[in-house]
Amino acid sequence: MKRLCATVLVFEAVIIGLAIPVALTVQHAPKAPAAIAGAALAVAAVVLAVLARWRLRWTLVGGSVLQVLVIATGAVVAVMYFLGAIFAALWVTGILLGRRAEEVWTR
């Protein structure tokens, strides 16, 4: 489960980082707030991915909150509603498959 969740978070950080230039150039969002918010979300995703190795519970809670925040960025970059929903689905799937795999390995 740790590896699945960390992988989803790292890929999500990449997508968030790629959404920053879109917010600035295409959507004409205010530069400082959009860049700071995007960078903060991307850094939070990477920190949570690293944290998964030692504190899985914190990662699960923080990652779930992150999914909601990424979906909320759709208010600035509309495609983030869609991408955020995809990553939220990947997040839930990673948790469910990770738990199932851990059950199999602990038998």
PDB file of N, CA and C in Angstrom:
ATOM      1  N   MET A   1       0.837  -1.190   0.000  1.00  0.00           N
ATOM      2  CA  MET A   1       0.000   0.000   0.000  1.00  0.00           C
ATOM      3  C   MET A   1       0.879   1.249   0.000  1.00  0.00           C
ATOM      4  N   LYS A   2       1.975   1.208   0.732  1.00  0.00           N
ATOM      5  CA  LYS A   2       2.855   2.372   0.790  1.00  0.00           C
ATOM      6  C   LYS A   2       3.344   2.752  -0.602  1.00  0.00           C
ATOM      7  N   ARG A   3       3.764   1.762  -1.356  1.00  0.00           N
ATOM      8  CA  ARG A   3       4.312   2.025  -2.686  1.00  0.00           C
ATOM      9  C   ARG A   3       3.236   2.542  -3.644  1.00  0.00           C
ATOM     10  N   LEU A   4       2.052   1.955  -3.595  1.00  0.00           N
ATOM     11  CA  LEU A   4       0.965   2.406  -4.472  1.00  0.00           C
ATOM     12  C   LEU A   4       0.578   3.850  -4.183  1.00  0.00           C
ATOM     13  N   CYS A   5       0.401   4.157  -2.917  1.00  0.00           N
ATOM     14  CA  CYS A   5      -0.006   5.517  -2.550  1.00  0.00           C
ATOM     15  C   CYS A   5       1.093   6.529  -2.888  1.00  0.00           C
ATOM     16  N   ALA A   6       2.339   6.172  -2.621  1.00  0.00           N
ATOM     17  CA  ALA A   6       3.444   7.075  -2.936  1.00  0.00           C
ATOM     18  C   ALA A   6       3.536   7.318  -4.438  1.00  0.00           C
ATOM     19  N   THR A   7       3.306   6.288  -5.235  1.00  0.00           N
ATOM     20  CA  THR A   7       3.358   6.431  -6.688  1.00  0.00           C
ATOM     21  C   THR A   7       2.271   7.381  -7.188  1.00  0.00           C
ATOM     22  N   VAL A   8       1.070   7.212  -6.681  1.00  0.00           N
ATOM     23  CA  VAL A   8      -0.036   8.106  -7.082  1.00  0.00           C
ATOM     24  C   VAL A   8       0.314   9.550  -6.718  1.00  0.00           C
ATOM     25  N   LEU A   9       0.859   9.757  -5.535  1.00  0.00           N
ATOM     26  CA  LEU A   9       1.177  11.116  -5.092  1.00  0.00           C
ATOM     27  C   LEU A   9       2.292  11.755  -5.920  1.00  0.00           C
ATOM     28  N   VAL A  10       3.292  10.970  -6.294  1.00  0.00           N
ATOM     29  CA  VAL A  10       4.386  11.526  -7.104  1.00  0.00           C
ATOM     30  C   VAL A  10       3.872  11.929  -8.488  1.00  0.00           C
ATOM     31  N   PHE A  11       3.084  11.060  -9.112  1.00  0.00           N
ATOM     32  CA  PHE A  11       2.525  11.411 -10.417  1.00  0.00           C
ATOM     33  C   PHE A  11       1.574  12.603 -10.310  1.00  0.00           C
ATOM     34  N   GLU A  12       0.858  12.673  -9.217  1.00  0.00           N
ATOM     35  CA  GLU A  12      -0.041  13.810  -9.019  1.00  0.00           C
ATOM     36  C   GLU A  12       0.753  15.109  -8.868  1.00  0.00           C
ATOM     37  N   ALA A  13       1.903  15.049  -8.194  1.00  0.00           N
ATOM     38  CA  ALA A  13       2.755  16.231  -8.055  1.00  0.00           C
ATOM     39  C   ALA A  13       3.211  16.727  -9.421  1.00  0.00           C
ATOM     40  N   VAL A  14       3.520  15.801 -10.317  1.00  0.00           N
ATOM     41  CA  VAL A  14       3.927  16.183 -11.675  1.00  0.00           C
ATOM     42  C   VAL A  14       2.777  16.902 -12.393  1.00  0.00           C
ATOM     43  N   ILE A  15       1.590  16.345 -12.293  1.00  0.00           N
ATOM     44  CA  ILE A  15       0.424  16.953 -12.955  1.00  0.00           C
ATOM     45  C   ILE A  15       0.128  18.333 -12.363  1.00  0.00           C
ATOM     46  N   ILE A  16       0.238  18.458 -11.056  1.00  0.00           N
ATOM     47  CA  ILE A  16       0.005  19.764 -10.423  1.00  0.00           C
ATOM     48  C   ILE A  16       1.038  20.771 -10.926  1.00  0.00           C
ATOM     49  N   GLY A  17       2.286  20.338 -10.990  1.00  0.00           N
ATOM     50  CA  GLY A  17       3.334  21.221 -11.499  1.00  0.00           C
ATOM     51  C   GLY A  17       3.079  21.650 -12.932  1.00  0.00           C
ATOM     52  N   LEU A  18       2.579  20.749 -13.751  1.00  0.00           N
ATOM     53  CA  LEU A  18       2.278  21.086 -15.142  1.00  0.00           C
ATOM     54  C   LEU A  18       1.046  21.985 -15.262  1.00  0.00           C
ATOM     55  N   ALA A  19       0.199  21.983 -14.259  1.00  0.00           N
ATOM     56  CA  ALA A  19      -1.002  22.830 -14.294  1.00  0.00           C
ATOM     57  C   ALA A  19      -0.685  24.284 -13.957  1.00  0.00           C
ATOM     58  N   ILE A  20       0.456  24.536 -13.323  1.00  0.00           N
ATOM     59  CA  ILE A  20       0.802  25.916 -12.943  1.00  0.00           C
ATOM     60  C   ILE A  20       0.960  26.808 -14.175  1.00  0.00           C
ATOM     61  N   PRO A  21       1.754  26.407 -15.179  1.00  0.00           N
ATOM     62  CA  PRO A  21       1.851  27.278 -16.363  1.00  0.00           C
ATOM     63  C   PRO A  21       0.512  27.454 -17.088  1.00  0.00           C
ATOM     64  N   VAL A  22      -0.311  26.428 -17.052  1.00  0.00           N
ATOM     65  CA  VAL A  22      -1.634  26.545 -17.679  1.00  0.00           C
ATOM     66  C   VAL A  22      -2.456  27.599 -16.954  1.00  0.00           C
ATOM     67  N   ALA A  23      -2.410  27.572 -15.629  1.00  0.00           N
ATOM     68  CA  ALA A  23      -3.157  28.556 -14.844  1.00  0.00           C
ATOM     69  C   ALA A  23      -2.665  29.967 -15.136  1.00  0.00           C
ATOM     70  N   LEU A  24      -1.361  30.113 -15.330  1.00  0.00           N
ATOM     71  CA  LEU A  24      -0.798  31.445 -15.536  1.00  0.00           C
ATOM     72  C   LEU A  24      -1.015  31.969 -16.948  1.00  0.00           C
ATOM     73  N   THR A  25      -0.824  31.113 -17.949  1.00  0.00           N
ATOM     74  CA  THR A  25      -0.867  31.607 -19.327  1.00  0.00           C
ATOM     75  C   THR A  25      -2.240  31.484 -19.973  1.00  0.00           C
ATOM     76  N   VAL A  26      -2.876  30.354 -19.806  1.00  0.00           N
ATOM     77  CA  VAL A  26      -4.156  30.133 -20.478  1.00  0.00           C
ATOM     78  C   VAL A  26      -5.321  30.737 -19.688  1.00  0.00           C
ATOM     79  N   GLN A  27      -5.324  30.502 -18.395  1.00  0.00           N
ATOM     80  CA  GLN A  27      -6.432  30.977 -17.570  1.00  0.00           C
ATOM     81  C   GLN A  27      -6.209  32.382 -17.027  1.00  0.00           C
ATOM     82  N   HIS A  28      -5.019  32.930 -17.197  1.00  0.00           N
ATOM     83  CA  HIS A  28      -4.681  34.278 -16.746  1.00  0.00           C
ATOM     84  C   HIS A  28      -4.959  34.479 -15.255  1.00  0.00           C
ATOM     85  N   ALA A  29      -4.617  33.462 -14.473  1.00  0.00           N
ATOM     86  CA  ALA A  29      -4.769  33.561 -13.025  1.00  0.00           C
ATOM     87  C   ALA A  29      -3.707  34.521 -12.485  1.00  0.00           C
ATOM     88  N   PRO A  30      -3.974  35.135 -11.342  1.00  0.00           N
ATOM     89  CA  PRO A  30      -2.954  35.997 -10.729  1.00  0.00           C
ATOM     90  C   PRO A  30      -1.671  35.190 -10.486  1.00  0.00           C
ATOM     91  N   LYS A  31      -0.538  35.739 -10.914  1.00  0.00           N
ATOM     92  CA  LYS A  31       0.711  34.983 -10.930  1.00  0.00           C
ATOM     93  C   LYS A  31       1.138  34.463  -9.555  1.00  0.00           C
ATOM     94  N   ALA A  32       1.272  35.334  -8.592  1.00  0.00           N
ATOM     95  CA  ALA A  32       1.792  34.915  -7.291  1.00  0.00           C
ATOM     96  C   ALA A  32       0.883  33.890  -6.598  1.00  0.00           C
ATOM     97  N   PRO A  33      -0.411  34.163  -6.445  1.00  0.00           N
ATOM     98  CA  PRO A  33      -1.254  33.177  -5.755  1.00  0.00           C
ATOM     99  C   PRO A  33      -1.317  31.831  -6.473  1.00  0.00           C
ATOM    100  N   ALA A  34      -1.406  31.847  -7.793  1.00  0.00           N
ATOM    101  CA  ALA A  34      -1.495  30.590  -8.540  1.00  0.00           C
ATOM    102  C   ALA A  34      -0.200  29.787  -8.423  1.00  0.00           C
ATOM    103  N   ALA A  35       0.929  30.475  -8.542  1.00  0.00           N
ATOM    104  CA  ALA A  35       2.213  29.781  -8.444  1.00  0.00           C
ATOM    105  C   ALA A  35       2.452  29.241  -7.037  1.00  0.00           C
ATOM    106  N   ILE A  36       2.124  30.036  -6.038  1.00  0.00           N
ATOM    107  CA  ILE A  36       2.334  29.601  -4.650  1.00  0.00           C
ATOM    108  C   ILE A  36       1.414  28.434  -4.313  1.00  0.00           C
ATOM    109  N   ALA A  37       0.150  28.534  -4.681  1.00  0.00           N
ATOM    110  CA  ALA A  37      -0.800  27.455  -4.382  1.00  0.00           C
ATOM    111  C   ALA A  37      -0.412  26.171  -5.115  1.00  0.00           C
ATOM    112  N   GLY A  38      -0.067  26.289  -6.387  1.00  0.00           N
ATOM    113  CA  GLY A  38       0.332  25.114  -7.153  1.00  0.00           C
ATOM    114  C   GLY A  38       1.587  24.481  -6.604  1.00  0.00           C
ATOM    115  N   ALA A  39       2.575  25.306  -6.300  1.00  0.00           N
ATOM    116  CA  ALA A  39       3.825  24.776  -5.741  1.00  0.00           C
ATOM    117  C   ALA A  39       3.593  24.134  -4.382  1.00  0.00           C
ATOM    118  N   ALA A  40       2.754  24.746  -3.562  1.00  0.00           N
ATOM    119  CA  ALA A  40       2.467  24.175  -2.237  1.00  0.00           C
ATOM    120  C   ALA A  40       1.792  22.814  -2.361  1.00  0.00           C
ATOM    121  N   LEU A  41       0.844  22.687  -3.283  1.00  0.00           N
ATOM    122  CA  LEU A  41       0.175  21.398  -3.480  1.00  0.00           C
ATOM    123  C   LEU A  41       1.139  20.349  -4.014  1.00  0.00           C
ATOM    124  N   ALA A  42       1.996  20.734  -4.955  1.00  0.00           N
ATOM    125  CA  ALA A  42       2.962  19.785  -5.513  1.00  0.00           C
ATOM    126  C   ALA A  42       3.964  19.338  -4.455  1.00  0.00           C
ATOM    127  N   VAL A  43       4.461  20.273  -3.669  1.00  0.00           N
ATOM    128  CA  VAL A  43       5.403  19.923  -2.594  1.00  0.00           C
ATOM    129  C   VAL A  43       4.717  19.056  -1.551  1.00  0.00           C
ATOM    130  N   ALA A  44       3.479  19.374  -1.213  1.00  0.00           N
ATOM    131  CA  ALA A  44       2.739  18.559  -0.242  1.00  0.00           C
ATOM    132  C   ALA A  44       2.584  17.128  -0.741  1.00  0.00           C
ATOM    133  N   ALA A  45       2.327  16.966  -2.032  1.00  0.00           N
ATOM    134  CA  ALA A  45       2.196  15.614  -2.593  1.00  0.00           C
ATOM    135  C   ALA A  45       3.501  14.843  -2.480  1.00  0.00           C
ATOM    136  N   VAL A  46       4.623  15.497  -2.769  1.00  0.00           N
ATOM    137  CA  VAL A  46       5.926  14.823  -2.671  1.00  0.00           C
ATOM    138  C   VAL A  46       6.256  14.502  -1.215  1.00  0.00           C
ATOM    139  N   VAL A  47       6.003  15.440  -0.318  1.00  0.00           N
ATOM    140  CA  VAL A  47       6.264  15.199   1.110  1.00  0.00           C
ATOM    141  C   VAL A  47       5.423  14.027   1.616  1.00  0.00           C
ATOM    142  N   LEU A  48       4.162  13.979   1.230  1.00  0.00           N
ATOM    143  CA  LEU A  48       3.306  12.866   1.642  1.00  0.00           C
ATOM    144  C   LEU A  48       3.788  11.540   1.056  1.00  0.00           C
ATOM    145  N   ALA A  49       4.293  11.570  -0.169  1.00  0.00           N
ATOM    146  CA  ALA A  49       4.821  10.348  -0.786  1.00  0.00           C
ATOM    147  C   ALA A  49       6.025   9.836  -0.007  1.00  0.00           C
ATOM    148  N   VAL A  50       6.892  10.735   0.408  1.00  0.00           N
ATOM    149  CA  VAL A  50       8.060  10.338   1.202  1.00  0.00           C
ATOM    150  C   VAL A  50       7.615   9.871   2.585  1.00  0.00           C
ATOM    151  N   LEU A  51       6.647  10.556   3.147  1.00  0.00           N
ATOM    152  CA  LEU A  51       6.152  10.227   4.482  1.00  0.00           C
ATOM    153  C   LEU A  51       5.484   8.857   4.532  1.00  0.00           C
ATOM    154  N   ALA A  52       5.003   8.374   3.397  1.00  0.00           N
ATOM    155  CA  ALA A  52       4.309   7.082   3.353  1.00  0.00           C
ATOM    156  C   ALA A  52       5.184   5.952   3.867  1.00  0.00           C
ATOM    157  N   ARG A  53       6.467   6.100   3.730  1.00  0.00           N
ATOM    158  CA  ARG A  53       7.379   5.041   4.172  1.00  0.00           C
ATOM    159  C   ARG A  53       7.345   4.841   5.681  1.00  0.00           C
ATOM    160  N   TRP A  54       7.154   5.925   6.434  1.00  0.00           N
ATOM    161  CA  TRP A  54       7.204   5.826   7.888  1.00  0.00           C
ATOM    162  C   TRP A  54       5.854   6.027   8.564  1.00  0.00           C
ATOM    163  N   ARG A  55       5.015   6.868   8.041  1.00  0.00           N
ATOM    164  CA  ARG A  55       3.732   7.210   8.669  1.00  0.00           C
ATOM    165  C   ARG A  55       2.609   7.034   7.661  1.00  0.00           C
ATOM    166  N   LEU A  56       2.198   5.811   7.427  1.00  0.00           N
ATOM    167  CA  LEU A  56       1.183   5.543   6.413  1.00  0.00           C
ATOM    168  C   LEU A  56      -0.150   6.183   6.769  1.00  0.00           C
ATOM    169  N   ARG A  57      -0.521   6.155   8.022  1.00  0.00           N
ATOM    170  CA  ARG A  57      -1.812   6.734   8.427  1.00  0.00           C
ATOM    171  C   ARG A  57      -1.857   8.234   8.109  1.00  0.00           C
ATOM    172  N   TRP A  58      -0.779   8.941   8.411  1.00  0.00           N
ATOM    173  CA  TRP A  58      -0.720  10.376   8.113  1.00  0.00           C
ATOM    174  C   TRP A  58      -0.821  10.597   6.614  1.00  0.00           C
ATOM    175  N   THR A  59      -0.153   9.736   5.865  1.00  0.00           N
ATOM    176  CA  THR A  59      -0.182   9.862   4.411  1.00  0.00           C
ATOM    177  C   THR A  59      -1.594   9.644   3.880  1.00  0.00           C
ATOM    178  N   LEU A  60      -2.291   8.668   4.421  1.00  0.00           N
ATOM    179  CA  LEU A  60      -3.652   8.397   3.947  1.00  0.00           C
ATOM    180  C   LEU A  60      -4.583   9.570   4.230  1.00  0.00           C
ATOM    181  N   VAL A  61      -4.471  10.147   5.407  1.00  0.00           N
ATOM    182  CA  VAL A  61      -5.316  11.296   5.751  1.00  0.00           C
ATOM    183  C   VAL A  61      -4.914  12.517   4.927  1.00  0.00           C
ATOM    184  N   GLY A  62      -3.617  12.816   4.915  1.00  0.00           N
ATOM    185  CA  GLY A  62      -3.135  13.972   4.160  1.00  0.00           C
ATOM    186  C   GLY A  62      -3.380  13.833   2.666  1.00  0.00           C
ATOM    187  N   GLY A  63      -3.191  12.633   2.136  1.00  0.00           N
ATOM    188  CA  GLY A  63      -3.425  12.392   0.715  1.00  0.00           C
ATOM    189  C   GLY A  63      -4.889  12.548   0.354  1.00  0.00           C
ATOM    190  N   SER A  64      -5.766  12.141   1.253  1.00  0.00           N
ATOM    191  CA  SER A  64      -7.198  12.297   1.002  1.00  0.00           C
ATOM    192  C   SER A  64      -7.592  13.773   0.985  1.00  0.00           C
ATOM    193  N   VAL A  65      -7.035  14.538   1.897  1.00  0.00           N
ATOM    194  CA  VAL A  65      -7.288  15.984   1.910  1.00  0.00           C
ATOM    195  C   VAL A  65      -6.715  16.612   0.638  1.00  0.00           C
ATOM    196  N   LEU A  66      -5.540  16.157   0.241  1.00  0.00           N
ATOM    197  CA  LEU A  66      -4.916  16.670  -0.982  1.00  0.00           C
ATOM    198  C   LEU A  66      -5.798  16.422  -2.202  1.00  0.00           C
ATOM    199  N   GLN A  67      -6.450  15.269  -2.246  1.00  0.00           N
ATOM    200  CA  GLN A  67      -7.319  14.969  -3.391  1.00  0.00           C
ATOM    201  C   GLN A  67      -8.447  15.990  -3.492  1.00  0.00           C
ATOM    202  N   VAL A  68      -9.022  16.351  -2.368  1.00  0.00           N
ATOM    203  CA  VAL A  68     -10.099  17.349  -2.354  1.00  0.00           C
ATOM    204  C   VAL A  68      -9.563  18.703  -2.814  1.00  0.00           C
ATOM    205  N   LEU A  69      -8.379  19.074  -2.345  1.00  0.00           N
ATOM    206  CA  LEU A  69      -7.801  20.357  -2.731  1.00  0.00           C
ATOM    207  C   LEU A  69      -7.461  20.408  -4.217  1.00  0.00           C
ATOM    208  N   VAL A  70      -6.973  19.299  -4.756  1.00  0.00           N
ATOM    209  CA  VAL A  70      -6.642  19.266  -6.183  1.00  0.00           C
ATOM    210  C   VAL A  70      -7.917  19.389  -7.022  1.00  0.00           C
ATOM    211  N   ILE A  71      -8.964  18.710  -6.611  1.00  0.00           N
ATOM    212  CA  ILE A  71     -10.235  18.853  -7.327  1.00  0.00           C
ATOM    213  C   ILE A  71     -10.713  20.302  -7.250  1.00  0.00           C
ATOM    214  N   ALA A  72     -10.517  20.942  -6.103  1.00  0.00           N
ATOM    215  CA  ALA A  72     -10.943  22.341  -5.934  1.00  0.00           C
ATOM    216  C   ALA A  72     -10.163  23.289  -6.831  1.00  0.00           C
ATOM    217  N   THR A  73      -8.970  22.910  -7.266  1.00  0.00           N
ATOM    218  CA  THR A  73      -8.207  23.780  -8.170  1.00  0.00           C
ATOM    219  C   THR A  73      -8.878  23.885  -9.535  1.00  0.00           C
ATOM    220  N   GLY A  74      -9.882  23.062  -9.762  1.00  0.00           N
ATOM    221  CA  GLY A  74     -10.656  23.170 -10.986  1.00  0.00           C
ATOM    222  C   GLY A  74     -11.351  24.516 -11.113  1.00  0.00           C
ATOM    223  N   ALA A  75     -11.496  25.230 -10.009  1.00  0.00           N
ATOM    224  CA  ALA A  75     -12.087  26.569 -10.065  1.00  0.00           C
ATOM    225  C   ALA A  75     -11.187  27.532 -10.841  1.00  0.00           C
ATOM    226  N   VAL A  76      -9.886  27.234 -10.892  1.00  0.00           N
ATOM    227  CA  VAL A  76      -8.942  28.079 -11.622  1.00  0.00           C
ATOM    228  C   VAL A  76      -8.636  27.487 -12.998  1.00  0.00           C
ATOM    229  N   VAL A  77      -8.313  26.199 -13.018  1.00  0.00           N
ATOM    230  CA  VAL A  77      -8.016  25.494 -14.275  1.00  0.00           C
ATOM    231  C   VAL A  77      -9.065  24.395 -14.403  1.00  0.00           C
ATOM    232  N   ALA A  78     -10.021  24.575 -15.267  1.00  0.00           N
ATOM    233  CA  ALA A  78     -11.196  23.695 -15.334  1.00  0.00           C
ATOM    234  C   ALA A  78     -10.842  22.225 -15.532  1.00  0.00           C
ATOM    235  N   VAL A  79      -9.797  21.934 -16.285  1.00  0.00           N
ATOM    236  CA  VAL A  79      -9.447  20.537 -16.524  1.00  0.00           C
ATOM    237  C   VAL A  79      -9.008  19.833 -15.233  1.00  0.00           C
ATOM    238  N   MET A  80      -8.656  20.600 -14.206  1.00  0.00           N
ATOM    239  CA  MET A  80      -8.252  19.988 -12.938  1.00  0.00           C
ATOM    240  C   MET A  80      -9.423  19.325 -12.218  1.00  0.00           C
ATOM    241  N   TYR A  81     -10.647  19.724 -12.537  1.00  0.00           N
ATOM    242  CA  TYR A  81     -11.793  18.971 -11.998  1.00  0.00           C
ATOM    243  C   TYR A  81     -11.688  17.519 -12.471  1.00  0.00           C
ATOM    244  N   PHE A  82     -11.456  17.366 -13.754  1.00  0.00           N
ATOM    245  CA  PHE A  82     -11.360  16.040 -14.363  1.00  0.00           C
ATOM    246  C   PHE A  82     -10.112  15.291 -13.868  1.00  0.00           C
ATOM    247  N   LEU A  83      -8.957  15.947 -13.933  1.00  0.00           N
ATOM    248  CA  LEU A  83      -7.723  15.294 -13.503  1.00  0.00           C
ATOM    249  C   LEU A  83      -7.739  14.991 -12.001  1.00  0.00           C
ATOM    250  N   GLY A  84      -8.296  15.906 -11.230  1.00  0.00           N
ATOM    251  CA  GLY A  84      -8.411  15.665  -9.788  1.00  0.00           C
ATOM    252  C   GLY A  84      -9.291  14.474  -9.486  1.00  0.00           C
ATOM    253  N   ALA A  85     -10.388  14.333 -10.222  1.00  0.00           N
ATOM    254  CA  ALA A  85     -11.277  13.181 -10.034  1.00  0.00           C
ATOM    255  C   ALA A  85     -10.576  11.883 -10.418  1.00  0.00           C
ATOM    256  N   ILE A  86      -9.786  11.929 -11.496  1.00  0.00           N
ATOM    257  CA  ILE A  86      -9.036  10.727 -11.893  1.00  0.00           C
ATOM    258  C   ILE A  86      -8.047  10.341 -10.801  1.00  0.00           C
ATOM    259  N   PHE A  87      -7.302  11.324 -10.279  1.00  0.00           N
ATOM    260  CA  PHE A  87      -6.333  11.003  -9.233  1.00  0.00           C
ATOM    261  C   PHE A  87      -7.020  10.585  -7.928  1.00  0.00           C
ATOM    262  N   ALA A  88      -8.170  11.135  -7.639  1.00  0.00           N
ATOM    263  CA  ALA A  88      -8.918  10.687  -6.458  1.00  0.00           C
ATOM    264  C   ALA A  88      -9.339   9.230  -6.622  1.00  0.00           C
ATOM    265  N   ALA A  89      -9.770   8.875  -7.834  1.00  0.00           N
ATOM    266  CA  ALA A  89     -10.125   7.470  -8.094  1.00  0.00           C
ATOM    267  C   ALA A  89      -8.895   6.567  -7.988  1.00  0.00           C
ATOM    268  N   LEU A  90      -7.769   7.027  -8.509  1.00  0.00           N
ATOM    269  CA  LEU A  90      -6.525   6.257  -8.376  1.00  0.00           C
ATOM    270  C   LEU A  90      -6.119   6.126  -6.914  1.00  0.00           C
ATOM    271  N   TRP A  91      -6.320   7.175  -6.150  1.00  0.00           N
ATOM    272  CA  TRP A  91      -5.993   7.173  -4.729  1.00  0.00           C
ATOM    273  C   TRP A  91      -6.815   6.114  -3.990  1.00  0.00           C
ATOM    274  N   VAL A  92      -8.127   6.133  -4.207  1.00  0.00           N
ATOM    275  CA  VAL A  92      -9.010   5.154  -3.558  1.00  0.00           C
ATOM    276  C   VAL A  92      -8.673   3.743  -4.024  1.00  0.00           C
ATOM    277  N   THR A  93      -8.427   3.580  -5.319  1.00  0.00           N
ATOM    278  CA  THR A  93      -8.069   2.269  -5.852  1.00  0.00           C
ATOM    279  C   THR A  93      -6.751   1.787  -5.257  1.00  0.00           C
ATOM    280  N   GLY A  94      -5.780   2.668  -5.124  1.00  0.00           N
ATOM    281  CA  GLY A  94      -4.504   2.301  -4.520  1.00  0.00           C
ATOM    282  C   GLY A  94      -4.664   1.840  -3.085  1.00  0.00           C
ATOM    283  N   ILE A  95      -5.511   2.514  -2.337  1.00  0.00           N
ATOM    284  CA  ILE A  95      -5.751   2.113  -0.946  1.00  0.00           C
ATOM    285  C   ILE A  95      -6.426   0.752  -0.893  1.00  0.00           C
ATOM    286  N   LEU A  96      -7.472   0.569  -1.700  1.00  0.00           N
ATOM    287  CA  LEU A  96      -8.205  -0.700  -1.685  1.00  0.00           C
ATOM    288  C   LEU A  96      -7.335  -1.860  -2.160  1.00  0.00           C
ATOM    289  N   LEU A  97      -6.615  -1.669  -3.264  1.00  0.00           N
ATOM    290  CA  LEU A  97      -5.747  -2.738  -3.758  1.00  0.00           C
ATOM    291  C   LEU A  97      -4.580  -2.991  -2.813  1.00  0.00           C
ATOM    292  N   GLY A  98      -4.069  -1.939  -2.207  1.00  0.00           N
ATOM    293  CA  GLY A  98      -2.984  -2.109  -1.238  1.00  0.00           C
ATOM    294  C   GLY A  98      -3.422  -2.917  -0.033  1.00  0.00           C
ATOM    295  N   ARG A  99      -4.599  -2.643   0.463  1.00  0.00           N
ATOM    296  CA  ARG A  99      -5.112  -3.422   1.603  1.00  0.00           C
ATOM    297  C   ARG A  99      -5.333  -4.878   1.216  1.00  0.00           C
ATOM    298  N   ARG A 100      -5.877  -5.081   0.026  1.00  0.00           N
ATOM    299  CA  ARG A 100      -6.121  -6.440  -0.439  1.00  0.00           C
ATOM    300  C   ARG A 100      -4.800  -7.201  -0.599  1.00  0.00           C
ATOM    301  N   ALA A 101      -3.795  -6.543  -1.148  1.00  0.00           N
ATOM    302  CA  ALA A 101      -2.487  -7.184  -1.330  1.00  0.00           C
ATOM    303  C   ALA A 101      -1.843  -7.491   0.016  1.00  0.00           C
ATOM    304  N   GLU A 102      -1.975  -6.594   0.982  1.00  0.00           N
ATOM    305  CA  GLU A 102      -1.416  -6.845   2.304  1.00  0.00           C
ATOM    306  C   GLU A 102      -2.100  -8.021   2.979  1.00  0.00           C
ATOM    307  N   GLU A 103      -3.401  -8.168   2.775  1.00  0.00           N
ATOM    308  CA  GLU A 103      -4.119  -9.326   3.337  1.00  0.00           C
ATOM    309  C   GLU A 103      -3.591 -10.625   2.750  1.00  0.00           C
ATOM    310  N   VAL A 104      -3.335 -10.618   1.438  1.00  0.00           N
ATOM    311  CA  VAL A 104      -2.840 -11.821   0.786  1.00  0.00           C
ATOM    312  C   VAL A 104      -1.447 -12.170   1.295  1.00  0.00           C
ATOM    313  N   TRP A 105      -0.588 -11.157   1.450  1.00  0.00           N
ATOM    314  CA  TRP A 105       0.780 -11.412   1.868  1.00  0.00           C
ATOM    315  C   TRP A 105       0.881 -11.790   3.348  1.00  0.00           C
ATOM    316  N   THR A 106      -0.090 -11.429   4.170  1.00  0.00           N
ATOM    317  CA  THR A 106      -0.014 -11.746   5.601  1.00  0.00           C
ATOM    318  C   THR A 106      -0.668 -13.078   5.947  1.00  0.00           C
ATOM    319  N   ARG A 107      -1.258 -13.733   4.967  1.00  0.00           N
ATOM    320  CA  ARG A 107      -1.893 -15.037   5.260  1.00  0.00           C
ATOM    321  C   ARG A 107      -0.879 -16.089   5.499  1.00  0.00           C
TER     322      ARG A 107
END
